[in-house]
């Protein structure tokens, strides 16, 4: 057990050196903010206000079904019969181009 704990400890030690953790979080949160603005600018509301890398937009079911064809996300809630709140998440590994592609596709589907 101790050896496994050491391996985990080494990972965290590196993560907290030279502000790496904060840089990775800033990347994920920045991309989520970009998505949030694009969705809000299109006139959609959010199920919850999230200052993190997770977003919960409420979208028409028809748009959710179209987005499912090319993107993976979690269905979070069903606020009414015609709308669904989905969970979008960005991470340290999300490339800027993935967010740009989503925003473009999102706009084209409106």
PDB file of N, CA and C in Angstrom:
ATOM      1  N   UNK A   1       0.813  -1.195   0.000  1.00  0.00           N
ATOM      2  CA  UNK A   1       0.000   0.000   0.000  1.00  0.00           C
ATOM      3  C   UNK A   1       0.854   1.256   0.000  1.00  0.00           C
ATOM      4  N   UNK A   2       1.919   1.248   0.738  1.00  0.00           N
ATOM      5  CA  UNK A   2       2.751   2.443   0.844  1.00  0.00           C
ATOM      6  C   UNK A   2       3.351   2.823  -0.509  1.00  0.00           C
ATOM      7  N   UNK A   3       3.776   1.833  -1.284  1.00  0.00           N
ATOM      8  CA  UNK A   3       4.368   2.127  -2.598  1.00  0.00           C
ATOM      9  C   UNK A   3       3.351   2.802  -3.512  1.00  0.00           C
ATOM     10  N   UNK A   4       2.111   2.347  -3.472  1.00  0.00           N
ATOM     11  CA  UNK A   4       1.074   2.960  -4.309  1.00  0.00           C
ATOM     12  C   UNK A   4       0.808   4.394  -3.867  1.00  0.00           C
ATOM     13  N   UNK A   5       0.834   4.627  -2.580  1.00  0.00           N
ATOM     14  CA  UNK A   5       0.641   5.978  -2.066  1.00  0.00           C
ATOM     15  C   UNK A   5       1.763   6.899  -2.505  1.00  0.00           C
ATOM     16  N   UNK A   6       2.971   6.358  -2.575  1.00  0.00           N
ATOM     17  CA  UNK A   6       4.108   7.176  -3.003  1.00  0.00           C
ATOM     18  C   UNK A   6       3.949   7.597  -4.462  1.00  0.00           C
ATOM     19  N   UNK A   7       3.481   6.691  -5.302  1.00  0.00           N
ATOM     20  CA  UNK A   7       3.281   7.005  -6.711  1.00  0.00           C
ATOM     21  C   UNK A   7       2.254   8.134  -6.853  1.00  0.00           C
ATOM     22  N   UNK A   8       1.178   8.053  -6.093  1.00  0.00           N
ATOM     23  CA  UNK A   8       0.180   9.127  -6.116  1.00  0.00           C
ATOM     24  C   UNK A   8       0.774  10.432  -5.602  1.00  0.00           C
ATOM     25  N   UNK A   9       1.568  10.340  -4.566  1.00  0.00           N
ATOM     26  CA  UNK A   9       2.190  11.528  -3.993  1.00  0.00           C
ATOM     27  C   UNK A   9       3.119  12.221  -4.974  1.00  0.00           C
ATOM     28  N   UNK A  10       3.863  11.447  -5.737  1.00  0.00           N
ATOM     29  CA  UNK A  10       4.785  12.024  -6.728  1.00  0.00           C
ATOM     30  C   UNK A  10       4.004  12.797  -7.777  1.00  0.00           C
ATOM     31  N   UNK A  11       2.883  12.261  -8.211  1.00  0.00           N
ATOM     32  CA  UNK A  11       2.056  12.956  -9.200  1.00  0.00           C
ATOM     33  C   UNK A  11       1.580  14.297  -8.654  1.00  0.00           C
ATOM     34  N   UNK A  12       1.131  14.319  -7.413  1.00  0.00           N
ATOM     35  CA  UNK A  12       0.658  15.572  -6.831  1.00  0.00           C
ATOM     36  C   UNK A  12       1.801  16.539  -6.591  1.00  0.00           C
ATOM     37  N   UNK A  13       2.949  16.021  -6.229  1.00  0.00           N
ATOM     38  CA  UNK A  13       4.104  16.893  -6.013  1.00  0.00           C
ATOM     39  C   UNK A  13       4.447  17.652  -7.292  1.00  0.00           C
ATOM     40  N   UNK A  14       4.452  16.959  -8.415  1.00  0.00           N
ATOM     41  CA  UNK A  14       4.750  17.596  -9.700  1.00  0.00           C
ATOM     42  C   UNK A  14       3.636  18.577 -10.080  1.00  0.00           C
ATOM     43  N   UNK A  15       2.409  18.192  -9.829  1.00  0.00           N
ATOM     44  CA  UNK A  15       1.276  19.037 -10.190  1.00  0.00           C
ATOM     45  C   UNK A  15       1.323  20.393  -9.482  1.00  0.00           C
ATOM     46  N   UNK A  16       1.844  20.412  -8.269  1.00  0.00           N
ATOM     47  CA  UNK A  16       1.865  21.654  -7.501  1.00  0.00           C
ATOM     48  C   UNK A  16       3.179  22.412  -7.599  1.00  0.00           C
ATOM     49  N   UNK A  17       4.067  22.003  -8.487  1.00  0.00           N
ATOM     50  CA  UNK A  17       5.312  22.735  -8.710  1.00  0.00           C
ATOM     51  C   UNK A  17       5.105  23.764  -9.819  1.00  0.00           C
ATOM     52  N   UNK A  18       5.753  24.907  -9.677  1.00  0.00           N
ATOM     53  CA  UNK A  18       5.782  25.938 -10.723  1.00  0.00           C
ATOM     54  C   UNK A  18       4.393  26.345 -11.224  1.00  0.00           C
ATOM     55  N   UNK A  19       3.415  26.323 -10.322  1.00  0.00           N
ATOM     56  CA  UNK A  19       2.048  26.745 -10.657  1.00  0.00           C
ATOM     57  C   UNK A  19       1.385  25.907 -11.750  1.00  0.00           C
ATOM     58  N   UNK A  20       1.861  24.686 -11.992  1.00  0.00           N
ATOM     59  CA  UNK A  20       1.297  23.853 -13.047  1.00  0.00           C
ATOM     60  C   UNK A  20      -0.201  23.631 -12.851  1.00  0.00           C
ATOM     61  N   UNK A  21      -0.608  23.315 -11.639  1.00  0.00           N
ATOM     62  CA  UNK A  21      -2.025  23.074 -11.355  1.00  0.00           C
ATOM     63  C   UNK A  21      -2.866  24.278 -11.770  1.00  0.00           C
ATOM     64  N   UNK A  22      -2.408  25.466 -11.411  1.00  0.00           N
ATOM     65  CA  UNK A  22      -3.166  26.684 -11.713  1.00  0.00           C
ATOM     66  C   UNK A  22      -3.171  26.993 -13.207  1.00  0.00           C
ATOM     67  N   UNK A  23      -2.092  26.690 -13.899  1.00  0.00           N
ATOM     68  CA  UNK A  23      -2.050  26.889 -15.346  1.00  0.00           C
ATOM     69  C   UNK A  23      -3.022  25.949 -16.058  1.00  0.00           C
ATOM     70  N   UNK A  24      -3.036  24.696 -15.614  1.00  0.00           N
ATOM     71  CA  UNK A  24      -3.942  23.724 -16.220  1.00  0.00           C
ATOM     72  C   UNK A  24      -5.402  24.099 -15.958  1.00  0.00           C
ATOM     73  N   UNK A  25      -5.688  24.526 -14.738  1.00  0.00           N
ATOM     74  CA  UNK A  25      -7.049  24.925 -14.389  1.00  0.00           C
ATOM     75  C   UNK A  25      -7.458  26.178 -15.165  1.00  0.00           C
ATOM     76  N   UNK A  26      -6.553  27.110 -15.320  1.00  0.00           N
ATOM     77  CA  UNK A  26      -6.860  28.340 -16.061  1.00  0.00           C
ATOM     78  C   UNK A  26      -7.195  28.021 -17.519  1.00  0.00           C
ATOM     79  N   UNK A  27      -6.489  27.062 -18.101  1.00  0.00           N
ATOM     80  CA  UNK A  27      -6.776  26.659 -19.480  1.00  0.00           C
ATOM     81  C   UNK A  27      -8.196  26.095 -19.579  1.00  0.00           C
ATOM     82  N   UNK A  28      -8.524  25.151 -18.705  1.00  0.00           N
ATOM     83  CA  UNK A  28      -9.846  24.521 -18.738  1.00  0.00           C
ATOM     84  C   UNK A  28     -10.943  25.542 -18.468  1.00  0.00           C
ATOM     85  N   UNK A  29     -10.747  26.401 -17.476  1.00  0.00           N
ATOM     86  CA  UNK A  29     -11.761  27.391 -17.132  1.00  0.00           C
ATOM     87  C   UNK A  29     -11.903  28.442 -18.224  1.00  0.00           C
ATOM     88  N   UNK A  30     -10.806  28.815 -18.853  1.00  0.00           N
ATOM     89  CA  UNK A  30     -10.862  29.794 -19.937  1.00  0.00           C
ATOM     90  C   UNK A  30     -11.643  29.289 -21.128  1.00  0.00           C
ATOM     91  N   UNK A  31     -11.441  28.024 -21.472  1.00  0.00           N
ATOM     92  CA  UNK A  31     -12.192  27.447 -22.587  1.00  0.00           C
ATOM     93  C   UNK A  31     -13.673  27.321 -22.251  1.00  0.00           C
ATOM     94  N   UNK A  32     -13.964  26.975 -20.998  1.00  0.00           N
ATOM     95  CA  UNK A  32     -15.368  26.890 -20.577  1.00  0.00           C
ATOM     96  C   UNK A  32     -16.021  28.267 -20.648  1.00  0.00           C
ATOM     97  N   UNK A  33     -15.282  29.288 -20.277  1.00  0.00           N
ATOM     98  CA  UNK A  33     -15.809  30.656 -20.339  1.00  0.00           C
ATOM     99  C   UNK A  33     -16.116  31.055 -21.789  1.00  0.00           C
ATOM    100  N   UNK A  34     -15.252  30.642 -22.694  1.00  0.00           N
ATOM    101  CA  UNK A  34     -15.468  30.918 -24.121  1.00  0.00           C
ATOM    102  C   UNK A  34     -16.752  30.235 -24.606  1.00  0.00           C
ATOM    103  N   UNK A  35     -16.939  28.979 -24.219  1.00  0.00           N
ATOM    104  CA  UNK A  35     -18.167  28.255 -24.561  1.00  0.00           C
ATOM    105  C   UNK A  35     -19.389  28.933 -23.948  1.00  0.00           C
ATOM    106  N   UNK A  36     -19.248  29.329 -22.690  1.00  0.00           N
ATOM    107  CA  UNK A  36     -20.355  29.956 -21.974  1.00  0.00           C
ATOM    108  C   UNK A  36     -20.824  31.215 -22.694  1.00  0.00           C
ATOM    109  N   UNK A  37     -19.879  32.043 -23.127  1.00  0.00           N
ATOM    110  CA  UNK A  37     -20.241  33.275 -23.828  1.00  0.00           C
ATOM    111  C   UNK A  37     -20.934  32.979 -25.158  1.00  0.00           C
ATOM    112  N   UNK A  38     -20.441  31.995 -25.887  1.00  0.00           N
ATOM    113  CA  UNK A  38     -21.050  31.657 -27.177  1.00  0.00           C
ATOM    114  C   UNK A  38     -22.480  31.161 -26.992  1.00  0.00           C
ATOM    115  N   UNK A  39     -22.698  30.345 -25.991  1.00  0.00           N
ATOM    116  CA  UNK A  39     -24.040  29.804 -25.741  1.00  0.00           C
ATOM    117  C   UNK A  39     -24.977  30.903 -25.243  1.00  0.00           C
ATOM    118  N   UNK A  40     -24.492  31.718 -24.324  1.00  0.00           N
ATOM    119  CA  UNK A  40     -25.311  32.821 -23.797  1.00  0.00           C
ATOM    120  C   UNK A  40     -25.616  33.845 -24.887  1.00  0.00           C
ATOM    121  N   UNK A  41     -24.627  34.146 -25.735  1.00  0.00           N
ATOM    122  CA  UNK A  41     -24.847  35.097 -26.831  1.00  0.00           C
ATOM    123  C   UNK A  41     -25.889  34.594 -27.822  1.00  0.00           C
ATOM    124  N   UNK A  42     -26.061  33.279 -27.890  1.00  0.00           N
ATOM    125  CA  UNK A  42     -27.079  32.700 -28.769  1.00  0.00           C
ATOM    126  C   UNK A  42     -28.464  32.741 -28.115  1.00  0.00           C
ATOM    127  N   UNK A  43     -28.533  33.232 -26.879  1.00  0.00           N
ATOM    128  CA  UNK A  43     -29.820  33.413 -26.223  1.00  0.00           C
ATOM    129  C   UNK A  43     -30.252  32.309 -25.281  1.00  0.00           C
ATOM    130  N   UNK A  44     -29.340  31.425 -24.924  1.00  0.00           N
ATOM    131  CA  UNK A  44     -29.707  30.313 -24.057  1.00  0.00           C
ATOM    132  C   UNK A  44     -29.309  30.579 -22.613  1.00  0.00           C
ATOM    133  N   UNK A  45     -30.100  30.017 -21.695  1.00  0.00           N
ATOM    134  CA  UNK A  45     -29.842  30.122 -20.263  1.00  0.00           C
ATOM    135  C   UNK A  45     -29.125  28.883 -19.769  1.00  0.00           C
ATOM    136  N   UNK A  46     -28.731  28.929 -18.504  1.00  0.00           N
ATOM    137  CA  UNK A  46     -27.997  27.825 -17.900  1.00  0.00           C
ATOM    138  C   UNK A  46     -28.766  27.296 -16.693  1.00  0.00           C
ATOM    139  N   UNK A  47     -28.686  25.998 -16.493  1.00  0.00           N
ATOM    140  CA  UNK A  47     -29.355  25.326 -15.384  1.00  0.00           C
ATOM    141  C   UNK A  47     -28.748  25.776 -14.058  1.00  0.00           C
ATOM    142  N   UNK A  48     -27.439  25.988 -14.068  1.00  0.00           N
ATOM    143  CA  UNK A  48     -26.714  26.464 -12.886  1.00  0.00           C
ATOM    144  C   UNK A  48     -25.597  27.371 -13.360  1.00  0.00           C
ATOM    145  N   UNK A  49     -25.322  28.387 -12.578  1.00  0.00           N
ATOM    146  CA  UNK A  49     -24.194  29.267 -12.882  1.00  0.00           C
ATOM    147  C   UNK A  49     -22.936  28.597 -12.354  1.00  0.00           C
ATOM    148  N   UNK A  50     -22.014  28.294 -13.223  1.00  0.00           N
ATOM    149  CA  UNK A  50     -20.817  27.581 -12.817  1.00  0.00           C
ATOM    150  C   UNK A  50     -19.570  28.367 -13.192  1.00  0.00           C
ATOM    151  N   UNK A  51     -18.759  28.731 -12.199  1.00  0.00           N
ATOM    152  CA  UNK A  51     -17.503  29.435 -12.492  1.00  0.00           C
ATOM    153  C   UNK A  51     -16.352  28.471 -12.778  1.00  0.00           C
ATOM    154  N   UNK A  52     -16.681  27.214 -13.028  1.00  0.00           N
ATOM    155  CA  UNK A  52     -15.667  26.181 -13.232  1.00  0.00           C
ATOM    156  C   UNK A  52     -15.602  25.782 -14.700  1.00  0.00           C
ATOM    157  N   UNK A  53     -14.961  24.665 -14.967  1.00  0.00           N
ATOM    158  CA  UNK A  53     -14.842  24.146 -16.321  1.00  0.00           C
ATOM    159  C   UNK A  53     -16.053  23.309 -16.730  1.00  0.00           C
ATOM    160  N   UNK A  54     -17.117  23.360 -15.952  1.00  0.00           N
ATOM    161  CA  UNK A  54     -18.351  22.645 -16.274  1.00  0.00           C
ATOM    162  C   UNK A  54     -19.457  23.645 -16.580  1.00  0.00           C
ATOM    163  N   UNK A  55     -20.196  23.381 -17.648  1.00  0.00           N
ATOM    164  CA  UNK A  55     -21.313  24.232 -18.041  1.00  0.00           C
ATOM    165  C   UNK A  55     -22.570  23.392 -18.151  1.00  0.00           C
ATOM    166  N   UNK A  56     -23.715  24.019 -17.861  1.00  0.00           N
ATOM    167  CA  UNK A  56     -24.989  23.321 -17.871  1.00  0.00           C
ATOM    168  C   UNK A  56     -26.029  24.106 -18.674  1.00  0.00           C
ATOM    169  N   UNK A  57     -25.823  24.238 -19.984  1.00  0.00           N
ATOM    170  CA  UNK A  57     -26.793  24.996 -20.776  1.00  0.00           C
ATOM    171  C   UNK A  57     -28.110  24.249 -20.934  1.00  0.00           C
ATOM    172  N   UNK A  58     -29.176  25.038 -20.990  1.00  0.00           N
ATOM    173  CA  UNK A  58     -30.506  24.486 -21.256  1.00  0.00           C
ATOM    174  C   UNK A  58     -30.799  24.747 -22.728  1.00  0.00           C
ATOM    175  N   UNK A  59     -30.957  23.656 -23.473  1.00  0.00           N
ATOM    176  CA  UNK A  59     -31.113  23.760 -24.925  1.00  0.00           C
ATOM    177  C   UNK A  59     -32.388  23.052 -25.379  1.00  0.00           C
ATOM    178  N   UNK A  60     -32.934  23.462 -26.509  1.00  0.00           N
ATOM    179  CA  UNK A  60     -34.081  22.737 -27.067  1.00  0.00           C
ATOM    180  C   UNK A  60     -33.688  21.290 -27.382  1.00  0.00           C
ATOM    181  N   UNK A  61     -34.604  20.389 -27.172  1.00  0.00           N
ATOM    182  CA  UNK A  61     -34.325  18.974 -27.420  1.00  0.00           C
ATOM    183  C   UNK A  61     -33.849  18.722 -28.846  1.00  0.00           C
ATOM    184  N   UNK A  62     -34.396  19.448 -29.803  1.00  0.00           N
ATOM    185  CA  UNK A  62     -33.984  19.247 -31.197  1.00  0.00           C
ATOM    186  C   UNK A  62     -32.500  19.584 -31.379  1.00  0.00           C
ATOM    187  N   UNK A  63     -32.030  20.623 -30.716  1.00  0.00           N
ATOM    188  CA  UNK A  63     -30.615  21.000 -30.800  1.00  0.00           C
ATOM    189  C   UNK A  63     -29.743  19.985 -30.073  1.00  0.00           C
ATOM    190  N   UNK A  64     -30.195  19.512 -28.950  1.00  0.00           N
ATOM    191  CA  UNK A  64     -29.445  18.488 -28.202  1.00  0.00           C
ATOM    192  C   UNK A  64     -29.275  17.244 -29.065  1.00  0.00           C
ATOM    193  N   UNK A  65     -30.337  16.834 -29.726  1.00  0.00           N
ATOM    194  CA  UNK A  65     -30.261  15.641 -30.583  1.00  0.00           C
ATOM    195  C   UNK A  65     -29.285  15.834 -31.738  1.00  0.00           C
ATOM    196  N   UNK A  66     -29.245  17.029 -32.307  1.00  0.00           N
ATOM    197  CA  UNK A  66     -28.287  17.301 -33.386  1.00  0.00           C
ATOM    198  C   UNK A  66     -26.859  17.313 -32.862  1.00  0.00           C
ATOM    199  N   UNK A  67     -26.645  17.893 -31.682  1.00  0.00           N
ATOM    200  CA  UNK A  67     -25.296  17.932 -31.098  1.00  0.00           C
ATOM    201  C   UNK A  67     -24.789  16.534 -30.764  1.00  0.00           C
ATOM    202  N   UNK A  68     -25.707  15.633 -30.375  1.00  0.00           N
ATOM    203  CA  UNK A  68     -25.329  14.255 -30.035  1.00  0.00           C
ATOM    204  C   UNK A  68     -24.673  13.529 -31.208  1.00  0.00           C
ATOM    205  N   UNK A  69     -24.952  13.962 -32.415  1.00  0.00           N
ATOM    206  CA  UNK A  69     -24.395  13.288 -33.589  1.00  0.00           C
ATOM    207  C   UNK A  69     -22.872  13.425 -33.667  1.00  0.00           C
ATOM    208  N   UNK A  70     -22.324  14.516 -33.119  1.00  0.00           N
ATOM    209  CA  UNK A  70     -20.882  14.748 -33.238  1.00  0.00           C
ATOM    210  C   UNK A  70     -20.160  14.992 -31.920  1.00  0.00           C
ATOM    211  N   UNK A  71     -20.904  15.123 -30.827  1.00  0.00           N
ATOM    212  CA  UNK A  71     -20.274  15.462 -29.548  1.00  0.00           C
ATOM    213  C   UNK A  71     -20.811  14.567 -28.440  1.00  0.00           C
ATOM    214  N   UNK A  72     -19.951  14.349 -27.448  1.00  0.00           N
ATOM    215  CA  UNK A  72     -20.357  13.585 -26.274  1.00  0.00           C
ATOM    216  C   UNK A  72     -20.537  14.540 -25.109  1.00  0.00           C
ATOM    217  N   UNK A  73     -21.623  14.363 -24.390  1.00  0.00           N
ATOM    218  CA  UNK A  73     -21.901  15.162 -23.213  1.00  0.00           C
ATOM    219  C   UNK A  73     -22.904  14.391 -22.368  1.00  0.00           C
ATOM    220  N   UNK A  74     -23.079  14.838 -21.155  1.00  0.00           N
ATOM    221  CA  UNK A  74     -24.003  14.186 -20.239  1.00  0.00           C
ATOM    222  C   UNK A  74     -25.312  14.966 -20.195  1.00  0.00           C
ATOM    223  N   UNK A  75     -26.418  14.252 -20.236  1.00  0.00           N
ATOM    224  CA  UNK A  75     -27.717  14.874 -20.031  1.00  0.00           C
ATOM    225  C   UNK A  75     -27.851  15.062 -18.523  1.00  0.00           C
ATOM    226  N   UNK A  76     -28.063  16.313 -18.113  1.00  0.00           N
ATOM    227  CA  UNK A  76     -28.052  16.629 -16.690  1.00  0.00           C
ATOM    228  C   UNK A  76     -29.466  16.700 -16.097  1.00  0.00           C
ATOM    229  N   UNK A  77     -30.376  17.370 -16.784  1.00  0.00           N
ATOM    230  CA  UNK A  77     -31.732  17.526 -16.258  1.00  0.00           C
ATOM    231  C   UNK A  77     -32.692  17.800 -17.411  1.00  0.00           C
ATOM    232  N   UNK A  78     -33.953  17.642 -17.113  1.00  0.00           N
ATOM    233  CA  UNK A  78     -35.017  17.890 -18.088  1.00  0.00           C
ATOM    234  C   UNK A  78     -35.960  18.919 -17.471  1.00  0.00           C
ATOM    235  N   UNK A  79     -35.638  20.235 -17.639  1.00  0.00           N
ATOM    236  CA  UNK A  79     -36.449  21.267 -16.995  1.00  0.00           C
ATOM    237  C   UNK A  79     -37.897  21.332 -17.470  1.00  0.00           C
ATOM    238  N   UNK A  80     -38.151  20.920 -18.718  1.00  0.00           N
ATOM    239  CA  UNK A  80     -39.523  20.852 -19.230  1.00  0.00           C
ATOM    240  C   UNK A  80     -39.559  19.864 -20.394  1.00  0.00           C
ATOM    241  N   UNK A  81     -40.708  19.722 -21.002  1.00  0.00           N
ATOM    242  CA  UNK A  81     -40.884  18.710 -22.056  1.00  0.00           C
ATOM    243  C   UNK A  81     -40.111  19.013 -23.331  1.00  0.00           C
ATOM    244  N   UNK A  82     -39.716  20.248 -23.538  1.00  0.00           N
ATOM    245  CA  UNK A  82     -39.084  20.623 -24.806  1.00  0.00           C
ATOM    246  C   UNK A  82     -37.603  20.983 -24.684  1.00  0.00           C
ATOM    247  N   UNK A  83     -37.074  20.979 -23.449  1.00  0.00           N
ATOM    248  CA  UNK A  83     -35.691  21.403 -23.236  1.00  0.00           C
ATOM    249  C   UNK A  83     -34.928  20.413 -22.355  1.00  0.00           C
ATOM    250  N   UNK A  84     -33.610  20.403 -22.557  1.00  0.00           N
ATOM    251  CA  UNK A  84     -32.726  19.544 -21.785  1.00  0.00           C
ATOM    252  C   UNK A  84     -31.517  20.353 -21.343  1.00  0.00           C
ATOM    253  N   UNK A  85     -31.141  20.169 -20.097  1.00  0.00           N
ATOM    254  CA  UNK A  85     -29.890  20.750 -19.603  1.00  0.00           C
ATOM    255  C   UNK A  85     -28.807  19.694 -19.788  1.00  0.00           C
ATOM    256  N   UNK A  86     -27.745  20.068 -20.471  1.00  0.00           N
ATOM    257  CA  UNK A  86     -26.638  19.147 -20.692  1.00  0.00           C
ATOM    258  C   UNK A  86     -25.414  19.628 -19.910  1.00  0.00           C
ATOM    259  N   UNK A  87     -24.480  18.732 -19.697  1.00  0.00           N
ATOM    260  CA  UNK A  87     -23.246  19.063 -18.987  1.00  0.00           C
ATOM    261  C   UNK A  87     -22.092  19.007 -19.973  1.00  0.00           C
ATOM    262  N   UNK A  88     -21.470  20.162 -20.188  1.00  0.00           N
ATOM    263  CA  UNK A  88     -20.284  20.260 -21.030  1.00  0.00           C
ATOM    264  C   UNK A  88     -19.083  20.483 -20.117  1.00  0.00           C
ATOM    265  N   UNK A  89     -17.987  19.795 -20.398  1.00  0.00           N
ATOM    266  CA  UNK A  89     -16.800  19.903 -19.548  1.00  0.00           C
ATOM    267  C   UNK A  89     -15.567  20.093 -20.421  1.00  0.00           C
ATOM    268  N   UNK A  90     -14.743  21.069 -20.049  1.00  0.00           N
ATOM    269  CA  UNK A  90     -13.434  21.244 -20.674  1.00  0.00           C
ATOM    270  C   UNK A  90     -12.382  20.774 -19.675  1.00  0.00           C
ATOM    271  N   UNK A  91     -11.187  20.490 -20.167  1.00  0.00           N
ATOM    272  CA  UNK A  91     -10.129  20.025 -19.277  1.00  0.00           C
ATOM    273  C   UNK A  91      -8.797  20.637 -19.672  1.00  0.00           C
ATOM    274  N   UNK A  92      -7.785  20.275 -18.941  1.00  0.00           N
ATOM    275  CA  UNK A  92      -6.428  20.733 -19.248  1.00  0.00           C
ATOM    276  C   UNK A  92      -6.003  20.243 -20.624  1.00  0.00           C
ATOM    277  N   UNK A  93      -6.612  19.164 -21.086  1.00  0.00           N
ATOM    278  CA  UNK A  93      -6.205  18.555 -22.360  1.00  0.00           C
ATOM    279  C   UNK A  93      -7.094  18.965 -23.526  1.00  0.00           C
ATOM    280  N   UNK A  94      -8.098  19.779 -23.289  1.00  0.00           N
ATOM    281  CA  UNK A  94      -8.992  20.209 -24.363  1.00  0.00           C
ATOM    282  C   UNK A  94      -8.265  21.201 -25.265  1.00  0.00           C
ATOM    283  N   UNK A  95      -8.129  20.889 -26.537  1.00  0.00           N
ATOM    284  CA  UNK A  95      -7.479  21.856 -27.434  1.00  0.00           C
ATOM    285  C   UNK A  95      -8.421  23.016 -27.762  1.00  0.00           C
ATOM    286  N   UNK A  96      -7.840  24.175 -27.970  1.00  0.00           N
ATOM    287  CA  UNK A  96      -8.634  25.346 -28.358  1.00  0.00           C
ATOM    288  C   UNK A  96      -9.481  25.047 -29.589  1.00  0.00           C
ATOM    289  N   UNK A  97      -8.921  24.287 -30.514  1.00  0.00           N
ATOM    290  CA  UNK A  97      -9.630  23.985 -31.761  1.00  0.00           C
ATOM    291  C   UNK A  97     -10.917  23.200 -31.517  1.00  0.00           C
ATOM    292  N   UNK A  98     -10.954  22.366 -30.483  1.00  0.00           N
ATOM    293  CA  UNK A  98     -12.170  21.603 -30.184  1.00  0.00           C
ATOM    294  C   UNK A  98     -13.295  22.532 -29.756  1.00  0.00           C
ATOM    295  N   UNK A  99     -12.954  23.549 -28.963  1.00  0.00           N
ATOM    296  CA  UNK A  99     -13.956  24.517 -28.527  1.00  0.00           C
ATOM    297  C   UNK A  99     -14.410  25.369 -29.710  1.00  0.00           C
ATOM    298  N   UNK A 100     -13.463  25.789 -30.534  1.00  0.00           N
ATOM    299  CA  UNK A 100     -13.809  26.578 -31.728  1.00  0.00           C
ATOM    300  C   UNK A 100     -14.726  25.790 -32.652  1.00  0.00           C
ATOM    301  N   UNK A 101     -14.423  24.516 -32.856  1.00  0.00           N
ATOM    302  CA  UNK A 101     -15.263  23.662 -33.706  1.00  0.00           C
ATOM    303  C   UNK A 101     -16.672  23.534 -33.133  1.00  0.00           C
ATOM    304  N   UNK A 102     -16.748  23.326 -31.815  1.00  0.00           N
ATOM    305  CA  UNK A 102     -18.061  23.204 -31.184  1.00  0.00           C
ATOM    306  C   UNK A 102     -18.857  24.489 -31.360  1.00  0.00           C
ATOM    307  N   UNK A 103     -18.214  25.625 -31.112  1.00  0.00           N
ATOM    308  CA  UNK A 103     -18.913  26.905 -31.235  1.00  0.00           C
ATOM    309  C   UNK A 103     -19.411  27.118 -32.670  1.00  0.00           C
ATOM    310  N   UNK A 104     -18.590  26.779 -33.622  1.00  0.00           N
ATOM    311  CA  UNK A 104     -18.991  26.934 -35.029  1.00  0.00           C
ATOM    312  C   UNK A 104     -20.159  26.005 -35.360  1.00  0.00           C
ATOM    313  N   UNK A 105     -20.040  24.750 -34.985  1.00  0.00           N
ATOM    314  CA  UNK A 105     -21.117  23.787 -35.246  1.00  0.00           C
ATOM    315  C   UNK A 105     -22.398  24.195 -34.520  1.00  0.00           C
ATOM    316  N   UNK A 106     -22.259  24.654 -33.289  1.00  0.00           N
ATOM    317  CA  UNK A 106     -23.400  25.106 -32.498  1.00  0.00           C
ATOM    318  C   UNK A 106     -24.127  26.227 -33.236  1.00  0.00           C
ATOM    319  N   UNK A 107     -23.377  27.190 -33.710  1.00  0.00           N
ATOM    320  CA  UNK A 107     -23.971  28.307 -34.452  1.00  0.00           C
ATOM    321  C   UNK A 107     -24.639  27.858 -35.732  1.00  0.00           C
ATOM    322  N   UNK A 108     -24.028  26.919 -36.430  1.00  0.00           N
ATOM    323  CA  UNK A 108     -24.596  26.427 -37.685  1.00  0.00           C
ATOM    324  C   UNK A 108     -25.903  25.648 -37.463  1.00  0.00           C
ATOM    325  N   UNK A 109     -26.032  25.033 -36.298  1.00  0.00           N
ATOM    326  CA  UNK A 109     -27.222  24.236 -36.025  1.00  0.00           C
ATOM    327  C   UNK A 109     -28.413  25.072 -35.565  1.00  0.00           C
ATOM    328  N   UNK A 110     -28.158  26.324 -35.235  1.00  0.00           N
ATOM    329  CA  UNK A 110     -29.258  27.174 -34.725  1.00  0.00           C
ATOM    330  C   UNK A 110     -30.235  27.535 -35.799  1.00  0.00           C
TER     331      UNK A 110
END
